[in-house]
Amino acid sequence: MSAWIKNIFGFILNQFKRLYPSYFQSNNLTKVFNYYYVPGLFATSGQPNVHQLNLIAESDYEVVINLAPTSILEGSIIDEKKILTSKGVIYVHIPVDFKKPLITNFDKFVESIKQNKNKKIWVHCAANMRVSAFVYKYRRDELGLEDKDINKDLKAIWKPNNTWQSFLNLE
């Protein structure tokens, strides 16, 4: 339960941080909300703000995959696609409903990873909860890694609720 509380308060705080002028913001990408580097794969996070999106592009990330739906609450008040594509970054948006994740969403995610497998990738959603679940499923189902080796990365962000446990076949 504590991970849920941390994510809820962190998400709310992140909404306010997006309003800070860039000179008050860190130039360290590990400060993006719920940042987590998945060993050997890619960086993941919650919703980056405009300053952080520019930092992602300046840090040679070639692809950004966004799993958040299009809503003001979850971060789409910024034109992420315009910001990133203007800097030569490929932008992939796969809106995933937090209350009803679909295998078709996951299949699109896998296809995006495969199409960009030799590129530097950043994956995010609103709070890194959808992403951590998709990355867990990708590593287990596509890369054949064992739960015991990858579960800690999922739990670093959250303990999935019943909907997501079912989606991940963890029940």
C-alpha atoms as a PDB file:
ATOM      1  CA  MET A   1       0.000   0.000   0.000  1.00  0.00           C
ATOM      2  CA  SER A   2       2.874   2.387   0.710  1.00  0.00           C
ATOM      3  CA  ALA A   3       3.973   2.272  -2.955  1.00  0.00           C
ATOM      4  CA  TRP A   4       0.455   3.334  -3.961  1.00  0.00           C
ATOM      5  CA  ILE A   5       0.539   6.288  -1.557  1.00  0.00           C
ATOM      6  CA  LYS A   6       4.021   7.278  -2.740  1.00  0.00           C
ATOM      7  CA  ASN A   7       2.865   7.174  -6.364  1.00  0.00           C
ATOM      8  CA  ILE A   8      -0.329   9.137  -5.736  1.00  0.00           C
ATOM      9  CA  PHE A   9       1.415  11.932  -3.825  1.00  0.00           C
ATOM     10  CA  GLY A  10       4.335  11.882  -6.238  1.00  0.00           C
ATOM     11  CA  PHE A  11       1.968  12.167  -9.181  1.00  0.00           C
ATOM     12  CA  ILE A  12       0.178  15.159  -7.624  1.00  0.00           C
ATOM     13  CA  LEU A  13       3.484  16.850  -6.793  1.00  0.00           C
ATOM     14  CA  ASN A  14       4.700  16.169 -10.333  1.00  0.00           C
ATOM     15  CA  GLN A  15       1.658  18.042 -11.693  1.00  0.00           C
ATOM     16  CA  PHE A  16       2.782  21.161  -9.813  1.00  0.00           C
ATOM     17  CA  LYS A  17       6.445  20.734 -10.768  1.00  0.00           C
ATOM     18  CA  ARG A  18       5.499  20.926 -14.432  1.00  0.00           C
ATOM     19  CA  LEU A  19       4.658  24.588 -13.836  1.00  0.00           C
ATOM     20  CA  TYR A  20       8.117  25.511 -12.504  1.00  0.00           C
ATOM     21  CA  PRO A  21      10.277  27.658 -14.789  1.00  0.00           C
ATOM     22  CA  SER A  22      13.081  25.581 -16.319  1.00  0.00           C
ATOM     23  CA  TYR A  23      15.808  27.394 -14.358  1.00  0.00           C
ATOM     24  CA  PHE A  24      14.322  25.896 -11.146  1.00  0.00           C
ATOM     25  CA  GLN A  25      14.365  22.391 -12.579  1.00  0.00           C
ATOM     26  CA  SER A  26      17.081  19.784 -12.412  1.00  0.00           C
ATOM     27  CA  ASN A  27      19.129  18.886 -15.469  1.00  0.00           C
ATOM     28  CA  ASN A  28      19.464  15.359 -14.105  1.00  0.00           C
ATOM     29  CA  LEU A  29      17.183  12.895 -15.895  1.00  0.00           C
ATOM     30  CA  THR A  30      17.088  10.637 -12.856  1.00  0.00           C
ATOM     31  CA  LYS A  31      14.964  13.370 -11.238  1.00  0.00           C
ATOM     32  CA  VAL A  32      12.060  12.728 -13.647  1.00  0.00           C
ATOM     33  CA  PHE A  33       9.107  11.440 -11.599  1.00  0.00           C
ATOM     34  CA  ASN A  34       9.502   7.731 -10.798  1.00  0.00           C
ATOM     35  CA  TYR A  35      12.596   7.381 -13.006  1.00  0.00           C
ATOM     36  CA  TYR A  36      13.882   3.819 -13.237  1.00  0.00           C
ATOM     37  CA  TYR A  37      16.548   2.381 -15.503  1.00  0.00           C
ATOM     38  CA  VAL A  38      15.740  -1.175 -16.588  1.00  0.00           C
ATOM     39  CA  PRO A  39      19.080  -2.962 -16.705  1.00  0.00           C
ATOM     40  CA  GLY A  40      20.244  -3.561 -20.263  1.00  0.00           C
ATOM     41  CA  LEU A  41      17.113  -2.107 -21.874  1.00  0.00           C
ATOM     42  CA  PHE A  42      15.873   1.435 -21.429  1.00  0.00           C
ATOM     43  CA  ALA A  43      14.997   4.300 -19.123  1.00  0.00           C
ATOM     44  CA  THR A  44      11.453   4.516 -17.764  1.00  0.00           C
ATOM     45  CA  SER A  45       9.547   7.151 -15.822  1.00  0.00           C
ATOM     46  CA  GLY A  46       6.338   8.919 -15.018  1.00  0.00           C
ATOM     47  CA  GLN A  47       5.301  11.946 -17.087  1.00  0.00           C
ATOM     48  CA  PRO A  48       8.243  14.192 -17.987  1.00  0.00           C
ATOM     49  CA  ASN A  49       7.616  17.941 -18.179  1.00  0.00           C
ATOM     50  CA  VAL A  50       8.660  20.178 -21.104  1.00  0.00           C
ATOM     51  CA  HIS A  51      12.131  20.813 -19.659  1.00  0.00           C
ATOM     52  CA  GLN A  52      12.661  17.097 -19.085  1.00  0.00           C
ATOM     53  CA  LEU A  53      11.460  16.171 -22.587  1.00  0.00           C
ATOM     54  CA  ASN A  54      14.069  18.546 -23.979  1.00  0.00           C
ATOM     55  CA  LEU A  55      16.698  16.935 -21.730  1.00  0.00           C
ATOM     56  CA  ILE A  56      15.676  13.491 -22.986  1.00  0.00           C
ATOM     57  CA  ALA A  57      16.200  14.639 -26.575  1.00  0.00           C
ATOM     58  CA  GLU A  58      19.503  16.343 -25.692  1.00  0.00           C
ATOM     59  CA  SER A  59      20.665  13.129 -23.991  1.00  0.00           C
ATOM     60  CA  ASP A  60      20.573  11.277 -27.311  1.00  0.00           C
ATOM     61  CA  TYR A  61      17.381   9.319 -26.737  1.00  0.00           C
ATOM     62  CA  GLU A  62      16.105   8.408 -30.184  1.00  0.00           C
ATOM     63  CA  VAL A  63      12.657   7.066 -29.285  1.00  0.00           C
ATOM     64  CA  VAL A  64      10.099   7.988 -26.629  1.00  0.00           C
ATOM     65  CA  ILE A  65       7.179   5.631 -26.045  1.00  0.00           C
ATOM     66  CA  ASN A  66       4.265   7.106 -24.083  1.00  0.00           C
ATOM     67  CA  LEU A  67       1.721   4.687 -22.561  1.00  0.00           C
ATOM     68  CA  ALA A  68      -0.410   7.358 -20.854  1.00  0.00           C
ATOM     69  CA  PRO A  69      -3.858   8.073 -22.235  1.00  0.00           C
ATOM     70  CA  THR A  70      -4.666  11.482 -23.620  1.00  0.00           C
ATOM     71  CA  SER A  71      -5.992  13.420 -20.655  1.00  0.00           C
ATOM     72  CA  ILE A  72      -5.143  16.624 -18.856  1.00  0.00           C
ATOM     73  CA  LEU A  73      -4.891  14.728 -15.574  1.00  0.00           C
ATOM     74  CA  GLU A  74      -2.248  12.366 -16.915  1.00  0.00           C
ATOM     75  CA  GLY A  75      -0.007  14.915 -18.521  1.00  0.00           C
ATOM     76  CA  SER A  76      -1.120  15.619 -22.047  1.00  0.00           C
ATOM     77  CA  ILE A  77      -1.450  19.367 -21.525  1.00  0.00           C
ATOM     78  CA  ILE A  78       1.948  19.585 -23.206  1.00  0.00           C
ATOM     79  CA  ASP A  79       2.409  18.782 -26.879  1.00  0.00           C
ATOM     80  CA  GLU A  80       4.895  16.000 -26.299  1.00  0.00           C
ATOM     81  CA  LYS A  81       4.877  14.805 -29.886  1.00  0.00           C
ATOM     82  CA  LYS A  82       5.681  18.279 -31.233  1.00  0.00           C
ATOM     83  CA  ILE A  83       8.469  18.850 -28.701  1.00  0.00           C
ATOM     84  CA  LEU A  84      10.163  15.528 -29.403  1.00  0.00           C
ATOM     85  CA  THR A  85       9.723  15.253 -33.155  1.00  0.00           C
ATOM     86  CA  SER A  86      11.045  18.816 -33.588  1.00  0.00           C
ATOM     87  CA  LYS A  87      14.267  17.507 -32.049  1.00  0.00           C
ATOM     88  CA  GLY A  88      14.412  14.408 -34.242  1.00  0.00           C
ATOM     89  CA  VAL A  89      13.102  11.983 -31.609  1.00  0.00           C
ATOM     90  CA  ILE A  90      10.634   9.305 -32.724  1.00  0.00           C
ATOM     91  CA  TYR A  91       7.443   9.588 -30.672  1.00  0.00           C
ATOM     92  CA  VAL A  92       5.179   6.579 -30.184  1.00  0.00           C
ATOM     93  CA  HIS A  93       1.909   7.000 -28.308  1.00  0.00           C
ATOM     94  CA  ILE A  94       0.066   3.895 -27.140  1.00  0.00           C
ATOM     95  CA  PRO A  95      -2.746   5.070 -24.837  1.00  0.00           C
ATOM     96  CA  VAL A  96      -3.336   2.406 -22.171  1.00  0.00           C
ATOM     97  CA  ASP A  97      -6.422   2.625 -19.959  1.00  0.00           C
ATOM     98  CA  PHE A  98      -5.155   2.038 -16.418  1.00  0.00           C
ATOM     99  CA  LYS A  99      -8.407   0.318 -15.447  1.00  0.00           C
ATOM    100  CA  LYS A 100      -8.490  -1.902 -18.529  1.00  0.00           C
ATOM    101  CA  PRO A 101      -5.091  -2.696 -20.068  1.00  0.00           C
ATOM    102  CA  LEU A 102      -5.412  -4.641 -23.296  1.00  0.00           C
ATOM    103  CA  ILE A 103      -3.187  -7.263 -24.870  1.00  0.00           C
ATOM    104  CA  THR A 104      -3.453  -5.255 -28.117  1.00  0.00           C
ATOM    105  CA  ASN A 105      -1.770  -2.342 -26.276  1.00  0.00           C
ATOM    106  CA  PHE A 106       0.997  -4.678 -25.179  1.00  0.00           C
ATOM    107  CA  ASP A 107       1.391  -6.061 -28.711  1.00  0.00           C
ATOM    108  CA  LYS A 108       1.834  -2.496 -30.045  1.00  0.00           C
ATOM    109  CA  PHE A 109       4.413  -1.876 -27.328  1.00  0.00           C
ATOM    110  CA  VAL A 110       6.355  -4.998 -28.285  1.00  0.00           C
ATOM    111  CA  GLU A 111       6.212  -4.043 -31.962  1.00  0.00           C
ATOM    112  CA  SER A 112       7.515  -0.548 -31.152  1.00  0.00           C
ATOM    113  CA  ILE A 113      10.399  -2.016 -29.178  1.00  0.00           C
ATOM    114  CA  LYS A 114      11.240  -4.436 -32.003  1.00  0.00           C
ATOM    115  CA  GLN A 115      11.122  -1.678 -34.638  1.00  0.00           C
ATOM    116  CA  ASN A 116      13.516   0.413 -32.571  1.00  0.00           C
ATOM    117  CA  LYS A 117      15.627  -2.293 -30.929  1.00  0.00           C
ATOM    118  CA  ASN A 118      18.961  -0.709 -31.823  1.00  0.00           C
ATOM    119  CA  LYS A 119      17.951   2.755 -30.651  1.00  0.00           C
ATOM    120  CA  LYS A 120      18.172   4.472 -27.285  1.00  0.00           C
ATOM    121  CA  ILE A 121      14.623   4.304 -25.853  1.00  0.00           C
ATOM    122  CA  TRP A 122      12.768   6.136 -23.067  1.00  0.00           C
ATOM    123  CA  VAL A 123       9.375   4.726 -22.014  1.00  0.00           C
ATOM    124  CA  HIS A 124       6.933   6.609 -19.799  1.00  0.00           C
ATOM    125  CA  CYS A 125       3.326   6.932 -18.691  1.00  0.00           C
ATOM    126  CA  ALA A 126       1.798   9.103 -15.978  1.00  0.00           C
ATOM    127  CA  ALA A 127       3.451   7.424 -12.964  1.00  0.00           C
ATOM    128  CA  ASN A 128       5.576   4.577 -14.429  1.00  0.00           C
ATOM    129  CA  MET A 129       3.029   2.023 -13.261  1.00  0.00           C
ATOM    130  CA  ARG A 130       1.726   0.995 -16.717  1.00  0.00           C
ATOM    131  CA  VAL A 131       5.285   1.066 -18.010  1.00  0.00           C
ATOM    132  CA  SER A 132       6.754  -1.082 -15.242  1.00  0.00           C
ATOM    133  CA  ALA A 133       4.011  -3.667 -15.847  1.00  0.00           C
ATOM    134  CA  PHE A 134       4.527  -3.674 -19.633  1.00  0.00           C
ATOM    135  CA  VAL A 135       8.295  -3.904 -19.216  1.00  0.00           C
ATOM    136  CA  TYR A 136       7.904  -6.795 -16.762  1.00  0.00           C
ATOM    137  CA  LYS A 137       5.632  -8.634 -19.227  1.00  0.00           C
ATOM    138  CA  TYR A 138       8.012  -7.860 -22.108  1.00  0.00           C
ATOM    139  CA  ARG A 139      11.020  -9.192 -20.246  1.00  0.00           C
ATOM    140  CA  ARG A 140       9.169 -12.317 -19.078  1.00  0.00           C
ATOM    141  CA  ASP A 141       7.139 -13.175 -22.200  1.00  0.00           C
ATOM    142  CA  GLU A 142       9.333 -11.840 -25.004  1.00  0.00           C
ATOM    143  CA  LEU A 143      12.843 -12.122 -23.580  1.00  0.00           C
ATOM    144  CA  GLY A 144      12.180 -15.275 -21.538  1.00  0.00           C
ATOM    145  CA  LEU A 145      13.522 -13.932 -18.243  1.00  0.00           C
ATOM    146  CA  GLU A 146      12.484 -15.537 -14.960  1.00  0.00           C
ATOM    147  CA  ASP A 147      10.136 -13.804 -12.539  1.00  0.00           C
ATOM    148  CA  LYS A 148      12.696 -14.142  -9.749  1.00  0.00           C
ATOM    149  CA  ASP A 149      15.170 -12.095 -11.816  1.00  0.00           C
ATOM    150  CA  ILE A 150      12.835  -9.279 -12.868  1.00  0.00           C
ATOM    151  CA  ASN A 151      10.147  -8.958 -10.197  1.00  0.00           C
ATOM    152  CA  LYS A 152      12.297  -6.563  -8.149  1.00  0.00           C
ATOM    153  CA  ASP A 153      12.228  -4.061 -11.015  1.00  0.00           C
ATOM    154  CA  LEU A 154       8.417  -4.127 -11.102  1.00  0.00           C
ATOM    155  CA  LYS A 155       8.197  -3.798  -7.326  1.00  0.00           C
ATOM    156  CA  ALA A 156      10.629  -0.874  -7.355  1.00  0.00           C
ATOM    157  CA  ILE A 157       7.702   1.149  -8.719  1.00  0.00           C
ATOM    158  CA  TRP A 158       4.594  -0.554  -7.300  1.00  0.00           C
ATOM    159  CA  LYS A 159       2.770  -3.728  -6.391  1.00  0.00           C
ATOM    160  CA  PRO A 160       0.192  -4.224  -9.155  1.00  0.00           C
ATOM    161  CA  ASN A 161      -3.471  -4.217  -8.182  1.00  0.00           C
ATOM    162  CA  ASN A 162      -5.858  -7.026  -9.146  1.00  0.00           C
ATOM    163  CA  THR A 163      -6.477  -5.666 -12.654  1.00  0.00           C
ATOM    164  CA  TRP A 164      -2.794  -5.540 -13.431  1.00  0.00           C
ATOM    165  CA  GLN A 165      -2.004  -8.837 -11.686  1.00  0.00           C
ATOM    166  CA  SER A 166      -4.572 -10.454 -13.960  1.00  0.00           C
ATOM    167  CA  PHE A 167      -3.111  -8.725 -17.024  1.00  0.00           C
ATOM    168  CA  LEU A 168       0.351  -9.967 -16.049  1.00  0.00           C
ATOM    169  CA  ASN A 169      -0.913 -13.453 -15.156  1.00  0.00           C
ATOM    170  CA  LEU A 170       0.442 -13.113 -11.626  1.00  0.00           C
ATOM    171  CA  GLU A 171      -2.622 -14.488  -9.837  1.00  0.00           C
END
